[in-house]
Amino acid sequence: MDVAIAPCQTYDRDSCLSALRAVLAPFGGLAWVQPGMKIAVKTNLVSMLKPEAAATTHPALLCALTELLRGRGAEVIVGDSPGGLYTSAYVNAVYRGTGVTQVERWGARLNQDFSQAKGEMPDAAVMKTFQYTAWLDGCDAVIDFCKLKSHGMMSMSAAAKNMFGTIPGTMKPEYHFRFPNARDFADMIVDLAEYWKPRLSIVDAVVGMEGNGPTAGTPRAIGCLLAGESPHKVDLACASVLGIARSEIPTLEAARARGLIPDSVQDLEIAGDINAFLVPDFQKIETKNGILFQDNFHTPLGRFLSPFMMRHIASRPQVCSPECIGCQKCAQVCPAKAIGMRRGKPKIDRRLCIRCFCCQEFCPRGAMKVVRPPLARLLNK
């Protein structure tokens, strides 16, 4: 079995427990969990947003999973590295703001180890060395519990993308700058997923996020959970649910190039009726993968046309001034230092912008949007 999908319409305790049991049953449930094992639940706490914003893994599901794991005699540690300072004060504020502190009532511990360690992957595609959050080192297994969302750079954020949260918060912009185009960034995400090899990947798709994701989009009821032992195969199923082609999601293309997923969701063995949860009108972000055009223009003519294509065709971040409060968060997180402030509003230097969409992802008011230039919209008609 590659992937399982099960209905879950609400976040009440009984629904969450029932759905988790159903979606894990095809993989033997949690029979692999032995008493005394230390299980890390790597959740998605991207920002200090309440559960109803649909940007973070819902605490009710984390509580239900904790209850099941504790029932097997496991020690459970829940954690993540949000965008921002990877310090006790900041991360604990995110725990409180997202409601994740509720897991403590069911016997889980919230991660309080904010040390970092160095990882090495000699066989990685791009990520040979990296810094990571060291709390995962002492755990016997990692469960990747993510949220299903649209994403400015990767088109979709789900199981594989959630592993980027193992990079300490303030270092994330550095990695965007280190891997500025979507192809390399996607390879980095796949490298991380393969390094950690989560024992299970579970997706909170009860209420996902569409539109200006992954933090400022619109909640969208989907009504299910997905799970599997491969985050990449789970992501292929998630893309099918959202109606996004595999070719539009760089992480899936990177996984396919390595033979980690088949060509099509039809080639997956899926437990449950995936067709019952398809969202035909899901509002995705039109990024054209965010891939720099020069990566695809290797001829002399292509290299000549590349700057024009970048300027007039590629999607890019753009501030919506009426919604902007001038907090300067976008300028602070921009890894390319392409954003300055002018008359209290952000001004993007297009010559420096690497289209990583960090500004769009971390804007607290959703004022930074992913837009397609007029010529791109015209050609798409």
Protein backbone atom coordinates (compact mmCIF):
# COMPACT_ATOMS: atom_id res chain seq x y z
CA MET A 1 0.00 0.00 0.00
CA ASP A 2 1.35 3.42 -0.98
CA VAL A 3 -1.17 5.92 0.37
CA ALA A 4 -4.35 5.84 2.43
CA ILE A 5 -7.12 8.43 2.51
CA ALA A 6 -9.96 8.59 5.02
CA PRO A 7 -12.85 11.00 5.64
CA CYS A 8 -12.61 13.52 8.47
CA GLN A 9 -15.13 16.33 8.31
CA THR A 10 -14.54 18.06 11.65
CA TYR A 11 -11.87 18.47 14.31
CA ASP A 12 -13.86 17.00 17.18
CA ARG A 13 -12.03 14.33 19.18
CA ASP A 14 -14.06 11.32 18.02
CA SER A 15 -13.75 12.26 14.35
CA CYS A 16 -10.01 12.79 14.64
CA LEU A 17 -9.41 9.50 16.43
CA SER A 18 -11.60 7.55 14.01
CA ALA A 19 -9.98 9.12 10.94
CA LEU A 20 -6.45 8.53 12.23
CA ARG A 21 -7.17 4.89 12.98
CA ALA A 22 -8.70 4.45 9.52
CA VAL A 23 -5.91 6.17 7.60
CA LEU A 24 -3.15 4.30 9.47
CA ALA A 25 -4.81 0.86 9.38
CA PRO A 26 -3.49 -0.08 5.88
CA PHE A 27 0.05 0.33 7.24
CA GLY A 28 -0.52 -1.80 10.32
CA GLY A 29 -1.72 1.08 12.43
CA LEU A 30 0.81 1.91 15.12
CA ALA A 31 1.79 -1.70 15.80
CA TRP A 32 5.41 -0.78 15.11
CA VAL A 33 5.47 1.51 18.15
CA GLN A 34 7.00 -0.25 21.15
CA PRO A 35 6.72 0.84 24.80
CA GLY A 36 9.42 3.34 25.72
CA MET A 37 10.05 4.53 22.16
CA LYS A 38 10.59 8.25 21.78
CA ILE A 39 8.50 9.53 18.86
CA ALA A 40 9.05 12.99 17.35
CA VAL A 41 5.95 14.49 15.77
CA LYS A 42 7.28 17.06 13.31
CA THR A 43 4.28 19.28 12.82
CA ASN A 44 3.73 22.43 10.73
CA LEU A 45 3.86 25.57 12.88
CA VAL A 46 4.93 27.96 10.15
CA SER A 47 3.74 31.05 11.98
CA MET A 48 1.86 32.27 15.04
CA LEU A 49 -1.58 31.73 13.54
CA LYS A 50 -4.69 30.35 15.20
CA PRO A 51 -5.95 26.90 14.11
CA GLU A 52 -8.90 28.35 12.21
CA ALA A 53 -6.50 30.16 9.87
CA ALA A 54 -5.70 26.73 8.37
CA ALA A 55 -1.98 27.49 8.12
CA THR A 56 -0.82 25.01 10.76
CA THR A 57 -1.52 21.40 11.65
CA HIS A 58 -4.67 21.44 13.77
CA PRO A 59 -3.99 20.76 17.47
CA ALA A 60 -7.01 18.44 17.73
CA LEU A 61 -5.31 16.01 15.33
CA LEU A 62 -2.01 16.28 17.19
CA CYS A 63 -3.87 15.52 20.44
CA ALA A 64 -5.54 12.49 18.85
CA LEU A 65 -2.24 11.16 17.52
CA THR A 66 -0.64 11.73 20.93
CA GLU A 67 -3.44 9.76 22.57
CA LEU A 68 -2.87 6.83 20.21
CA LEU A 69 0.91 6.90 20.62
CA ARG A 70 0.72 7.20 24.40
CA GLY A 71 -1.67 4.27 24.34
CA ARG A 72 1.19 2.24 22.85
CA GLY A 73 3.49 3.33 25.67
CA ALA A 74 5.53 5.79 23.61
CA GLU A 75 7.06 9.07 24.72
CA VAL A 76 5.83 11.82 22.40
CA ILE A 77 7.63 15.07 21.59
CA VAL A 78 5.88 17.61 19.35
CA GLY A 79 7.84 20.39 17.71
CA ASP A 80 8.82 22.51 14.73
CA SER A 81 11.01 25.45 13.83
CA PRO A 82 8.68 28.26 12.67
CA GLY A 83 9.79 31.16 10.54
CA GLY A 84 11.54 33.47 12.98
CA LEU A 85 13.92 33.12 15.90
CA TYR A 86 14.61 29.56 16.97
CA THR A 87 14.57 30.42 20.66
CA SER A 88 12.56 29.29 23.66
CA ALA A 89 10.69 32.59 23.95
CA TYR A 90 9.64 32.78 20.32
CA VAL A 91 8.83 29.11 19.70
CA ASN A 92 6.85 28.82 22.92
CA ALA A 93 4.85 31.87 21.86
CA VAL A 94 4.09 30.05 18.61
CA TYR A 95 3.09 26.94 20.56
CA ARG A 96 0.59 29.04 22.51
CA GLY A 97 -0.65 31.02 19.52
CA THR A 98 -1.32 27.94 17.41
CA GLY A 99 -3.00 26.06 20.24
CA VAL A 100 -0.46 23.23 20.14
CA THR A 101 0.02 23.44 23.91
CA GLN A 102 -3.15 21.30 24.10
CA VAL A 103 -1.04 18.18 23.39
CA GLU A 104 0.40 18.41 26.90
CA ARG A 105 -3.00 17.43 28.32
CA TRP A 106 -2.67 14.11 26.51
CA GLY A 107 0.84 13.39 27.71
CA ALA A 108 3.04 14.80 24.96
CA ARG A 109 5.97 17.12 25.56
CA LEU A 110 6.58 20.22 23.48
CA ASN A 111 10.16 20.40 22.27
CA GLN A 112 12.29 22.64 24.46
CA ASP A 113 15.67 21.76 22.96
CA PHE A 114 16.66 24.66 20.71
CA SER A 115 20.17 23.52 19.93
CA GLN A 116 21.42 22.95 16.40
CA ALA A 117 23.55 20.28 14.77
CA LYS A 118 25.33 19.78 11.48
CA GLY A 119 24.09 17.20 9.01
CA GLU A 120 26.03 15.63 6.17
CA MET A 121 24.63 13.87 3.08
CA PRO A 122 27.44 12.90 0.71
CA ASP A 123 24.98 11.34 -1.75
CA ALA A 124 22.51 14.24 -1.70
CA ALA A 125 21.56 15.95 -4.94
CA VAL A 126 22.30 19.47 -3.65
CA MET A 127 22.26 19.49 0.17
CA LYS A 128 25.61 17.95 1.07
CA THR A 129 25.88 19.75 4.42
CA PHE A 130 23.30 21.66 6.45
CA GLN A 131 22.29 22.85 9.91
CA TYR A 132 19.25 21.28 11.54
CA THR A 133 17.22 21.35 14.74
CA ALA A 134 18.95 18.89 17.04
CA TRP A 135 15.86 17.83 19.01
CA LEU A 136 15.17 15.16 16.42
CA ASP A 137 18.46 13.37 17.11
CA GLY A 138 17.34 11.65 20.28
CA CYS A 139 14.15 10.23 18.82
CA ASP A 140 13.56 6.65 17.66
CA ALA A 141 11.20 7.68 14.85
CA VAL A 142 9.85 10.82 13.19
CA ILE A 143 6.22 11.26 12.20
CA ASP A 144 5.73 14.03 9.65
CA PHE A 145 2.31 15.62 10.37
CA CYS A 146 1.73 18.46 7.91
CA LYS A 147 -1.01 20.76 6.61
CA LEU A 148 -2.19 20.73 2.98
CA LYS A 149 -1.76 24.21 1.50
CA SER A 150 -0.99 26.21 -1.60
CA HIS A 151 2.55 27.60 -1.74
CA GLY A 152 4.12 30.52 -3.58
CA MET A 153 7.35 28.86 -4.68
CA MET A 154 6.54 25.13 -4.63
CA SER A 155 2.85 25.40 -5.69
CA MET A 156 1.88 23.00 -2.88
CA SER A 157 3.01 22.53 0.70
CA ALA A 158 2.47 19.07 2.16
CA ALA A 159 4.55 16.18 3.49
CA ALA A 160 7.94 16.73 1.81
CA LYS A 161 7.88 20.52 2.19
CA ASN A 162 7.11 20.14 5.90
CA MET A 163 10.63 18.76 6.43
CA PHE A 164 12.04 22.20 5.65
CA GLY A 165 10.93 22.95 9.21
CA THR A 166 13.95 20.96 10.40
CA ILE A 167 16.07 23.94 9.33
CA PRO A 168 16.35 26.50 12.18
CA GLY A 169 13.97 29.40 11.61
CA THR A 170 16.35 32.29 11.02
CA MET A 171 18.46 30.13 8.69
CA LYS A 172 15.59 29.43 6.31
CA PRO A 173 16.15 32.63 4.27
CA GLU A 174 19.81 31.63 3.92
CA TYR A 175 18.77 28.35 2.35
CA HIS A 176 16.43 30.17 -0.01
CA PHE A 177 19.41 32.26 -1.10
CA ARG A 178 21.62 29.19 -1.29
CA PHE A 179 19.08 27.48 -3.56
CA PRO A 180 17.41 30.43 -5.32
CA ASN A 181 15.60 28.62 -8.12
CA ALA A 182 12.74 26.22 -7.65
CA ARG A 183 14.53 23.26 -9.21
CA ASP A 184 17.42 23.34 -6.74
CA PHE A 185 15.16 24.30 -3.84
CA ALA A 186 12.94 21.31 -4.60
CA ASP A 187 15.97 19.02 -4.72
CA MET A 188 16.97 20.40 -1.32
CA ILE A 189 13.52 19.58 0.08
CA VAL A 190 13.71 16.04 -1.28
CA ASP A 191 17.23 15.69 0.15
CA LEU A 192 15.89 16.66 3.60
CA ALA A 193 12.97 14.24 3.36
CA GLU A 194 15.35 11.45 2.38
CA TYR A 195 17.73 12.34 5.20
CA TRP A 196 15.04 12.14 7.87
CA LYS A 197 13.00 9.33 6.28
CA PRO A 198 9.90 9.89 8.45
CA ARG A 199 8.32 6.63 9.62
CA LEU A 200 4.93 8.01 8.64
CA SER A 201 3.69 11.08 6.81
CA ILE A 202 0.20 12.26 7.73
CA VAL A 203 -1.60 15.17 6.06
CA ASP A 204 -4.21 17.35 7.73
CA ALA A 205 -6.58 18.00 4.83
CA VAL A 206 -9.70 18.41 6.94
CA VAL A 207 -9.49 22.12 6.21
CA GLY A 208 -6.65 23.10 3.88
CA MET A 209 -5.53 26.45 2.54
CA GLU A 210 -5.98 27.79 -0.99
CA GLY A 211 -5.11 31.08 -2.64
CA ASN A 212 -2.32 33.18 -1.13
CA GLY A 213 -0.76 30.30 0.85
CA PRO A 214 1.03 29.04 2.82
CA THR A 215 0.15 31.58 5.56
CA ALA A 216 -2.24 34.19 4.18
CA GLY A 217 -4.55 32.16 1.99
CA THR A 218 -8.18 31.16 2.47
CA PRO A 219 -9.31 28.10 4.47
CA ARG A 220 -10.85 25.46 2.22
CA ALA A 221 -12.81 22.46 3.52
CA ILE A 222 -11.49 19.24 1.97
CA GLY A 223 -12.65 16.74 4.57
CA CYS A 224 -9.98 14.05 4.77
CA LEU A 225 -6.68 12.81 6.10
CA LEU A 226 -3.98 11.22 3.96
CA ALA A 227 -1.10 9.05 5.14
CA GLY A 228 1.72 6.90 3.86
CA GLU A 229 5.26 5.75 4.50
CA SER A 230 6.68 7.84 1.65
CA PRO A 231 6.17 11.61 1.89
CA HIS A 232 6.62 11.88 -1.88
CA LYS A 233 3.89 9.36 -2.71
CA VAL A 234 1.60 11.05 -0.20
CA ASP A 235 2.32 14.37 -1.92
CA LEU A 236 1.48 12.90 -5.33
CA ALA A 237 -1.92 11.91 -3.95
CA CYS A 238 -2.34 15.36 -2.37
CA ALA A 239 -1.67 17.02 -5.72
CA SER A 240 -4.39 14.89 -7.28
CA VAL A 241 -6.85 15.96 -4.57
CA LEU A 242 -6.11 19.61 -5.29
CA GLY A 243 -6.16 19.19 -9.06
CA ILE A 244 -2.55 20.32 -9.47
CA ALA A 245 -0.49 18.57 -12.13
CA ARG A 246 2.65 16.81 -11.02
CA SER A 247 4.65 18.94 -13.45
CA GLU A 248 3.53 22.10 -11.60
CA ILE A 249 5.05 20.97 -8.29
CA PRO A 250 8.86 21.08 -8.31
CA THR A 251 9.25 18.72 -5.34
CA LEU A 252 7.27 16.04 -7.16
CA GLU A 253 9.34 16.50 -10.30
CA ALA A 254 12.50 16.17 -8.21
CA ALA A 255 11.15 13.03 -6.51
CA ARG A 256 10.14 11.52 -9.86
CA ALA A 257 13.61 12.17 -11.30
CA ARG A 258 15.03 10.03 -8.48
CA GLY A 259 12.50 7.23 -8.96
CA LEU A 260 10.79 7.96 -5.64
CA ILE A 261 7.31 8.27 -7.18
CA PRO A 262 5.66 6.90 -10.31
CA ASP A 263 4.62 9.05 -13.25
CA SER A 264 0.98 9.26 -12.24
CA VAL A 265 -1.29 8.99 -9.22
CA GLN A 266 -3.02 6.16 -11.12
CA ASP A 267 0.13 4.12 -10.54
CA LEU A 268 -0.19 4.41 -6.76
CA GLU A 269 -1.90 1.78 -4.64
CA ILE A 270 -4.38 3.84 -2.62
CA ALA A 271 -6.59 2.62 0.22
CA GLY A 272 -9.81 4.61 0.24
CA ASP A 273 -11.75 6.51 -2.38
CA ILE A 274 -9.57 9.46 -3.39
CA ASN A 275 -12.17 10.56 -5.95
CA ALA A 276 -14.54 11.43 -3.11
CA PHE A 277 -12.26 14.26 -2.00
CA LEU A 278 -11.19 15.92 -5.23
CA VAL A 279 -11.36 19.73 -5.21
CA PRO A 280 -11.89 20.72 -8.86
CA ASP A 281 -11.94 24.47 -8.23
CA PHE A 282 -9.04 24.71 -5.78
CA GLN A 283 -7.50 28.19 -6.00
CA LYS A 284 -3.83 27.53 -6.61
CA ILE A 285 -1.04 30.05 -7.03
CA GLU A 286 -0.01 30.54 -10.65
CA THR A 287 3.76 30.47 -10.24
CA LYS A 288 4.87 28.58 -13.33
CA ASN A 289 6.96 26.63 -10.76
CA GLY A 290 8.99 29.75 -9.92
CA ILE A 291 11.80 28.16 -11.94
CA LEU A 292 14.26 30.70 -13.28
CA PHE A 293 13.94 30.84 -17.02
CA GLN A 294 17.68 30.73 -17.58
CA ASP A 295 17.61 27.14 -16.31
CA ASN A 296 15.60 26.18 -19.39
CA PHE A 297 17.26 28.31 -22.07
CA HIS A 298 20.63 26.79 -22.92
CA THR A 299 20.97 27.92 -26.53
CA PRO A 300 22.42 31.35 -27.43
CA LEU A 301 18.95 32.53 -28.43
CA GLY A 302 17.56 31.16 -25.17
CA ARG A 303 20.15 32.99 -23.11
CA PHE A 304 19.33 36.17 -25.00
CA LEU A 305 15.60 35.79 -24.33
CA SER A 306 15.96 34.72 -20.72
CA PRO A 307 16.06 38.22 -19.13
CA PHE A 308 12.99 39.23 -21.13
CA MET A 309 11.12 36.10 -20.04
CA MET A 310 12.08 36.66 -16.41
CA ARG A 311 10.85 40.24 -16.50
CA HIS A 312 7.64 39.79 -18.46
CA ILE A 313 6.48 36.18 -17.99
CA ALA A 314 7.63 34.82 -14.61
CA SER A 315 5.38 35.19 -11.57
CA ARG A 316 6.70 37.50 -8.88
CA PRO A 317 5.85 38.91 -5.45
CA GLN A 318 4.10 42.27 -5.36
CA VAL A 319 2.82 44.33 -2.46
CA CYS A 320 -0.83 45.30 -2.21
CA SER A 321 -0.33 48.74 -0.65
CA PRO A 322 -3.80 49.15 0.91
CA GLU A 323 -3.28 45.95 2.91
CA CYS A 324 0.33 46.72 3.91
CA ILE A 325 0.94 48.02 7.44
CA GLY A 326 4.61 48.84 6.87
CA CYS A 327 5.89 46.34 9.47
CA GLN A 328 9.08 45.67 7.42
CA LYS A 329 8.82 41.90 7.95
CA CYS A 330 9.27 41.31 4.21
CA ALA A 331 12.48 43.34 4.17
CA GLN A 332 13.77 41.47 7.22
CA VAL A 333 13.22 37.97 5.79
CA CYS A 334 14.32 38.68 2.20
CA PRO A 335 17.45 36.53 1.70
CA ALA A 336 18.54 38.53 -1.36
CA LYS A 337 18.16 41.90 0.41
CA ALA A 338 15.98 42.96 -2.51
CA ILE A 339 13.39 44.83 -0.43
CA GLY A 340 13.77 48.33 0.96
CA MET A 341 11.21 50.66 2.49
CA ARG A 342 9.99 53.77 0.70
CA ARG A 343 7.41 56.06 2.29
CA GLY A 344 6.57 53.33 4.77
CA LYS A 345 5.91 50.67 2.11
CA PRO A 346 8.15 47.90 0.74
CA LYS A 347 9.88 48.47 -2.59
CA ILE A 348 11.21 45.40 -4.43
CA ASP A 349 14.39 45.70 -6.48
CA ARG A 350 13.56 43.38 -9.37
CA ARG A 351 17.22 43.09 -10.32
CA LEU A 352 17.96 41.43 -6.98
CA CYS A 353 14.73 39.49 -6.42
CA ILE A 354 15.29 35.71 -6.68
CA ARG A 355 11.56 34.86 -6.56
CA CYS A 356 11.83 32.72 -3.45
CA PHE A 357 8.53 34.25 -2.18
CA CYS A 358 9.77 34.45 1.43
CA CYS A 359 8.21 37.92 1.60
CA GLN A 360 4.86 36.52 0.51
CA GLU A 361 5.08 33.55 2.86
CA PHE A 362 5.88 35.51 6.00
CA CYS A 363 3.86 38.69 5.47
CA PRO A 364 1.68 38.83 8.62
CA ARG A 365 -1.19 40.57 6.80
CA GLY A 366 -1.07 38.75 3.47
CA ALA A 367 -0.29 42.04 1.74
CA MET A 368 2.43 40.50 -0.41
CA LYS A 369 0.86 38.59 -3.30
CA VAL A 370 2.10 36.29 -6.03
CA VAL A 371 1.16 37.95 -9.31
CA ARG A 372 1.61 37.13 -12.98
CA PRO A 373 2.73 39.98 -15.27
CA PRO A 374 0.19 41.26 -17.83
CA LEU A 375 1.98 39.57 -20.75
CA ALA A 376 1.85 36.19 -19.01
CA ARG A 377 -1.87 36.59 -18.39
CA LEU A 378 -2.43 37.62 -22.00
CA LEU A 379 -0.53 34.62 -23.37
CA ASN A 380 -2.52 32.30 -21.10
CA LYS A 381 -5.84 33.35 -22.61
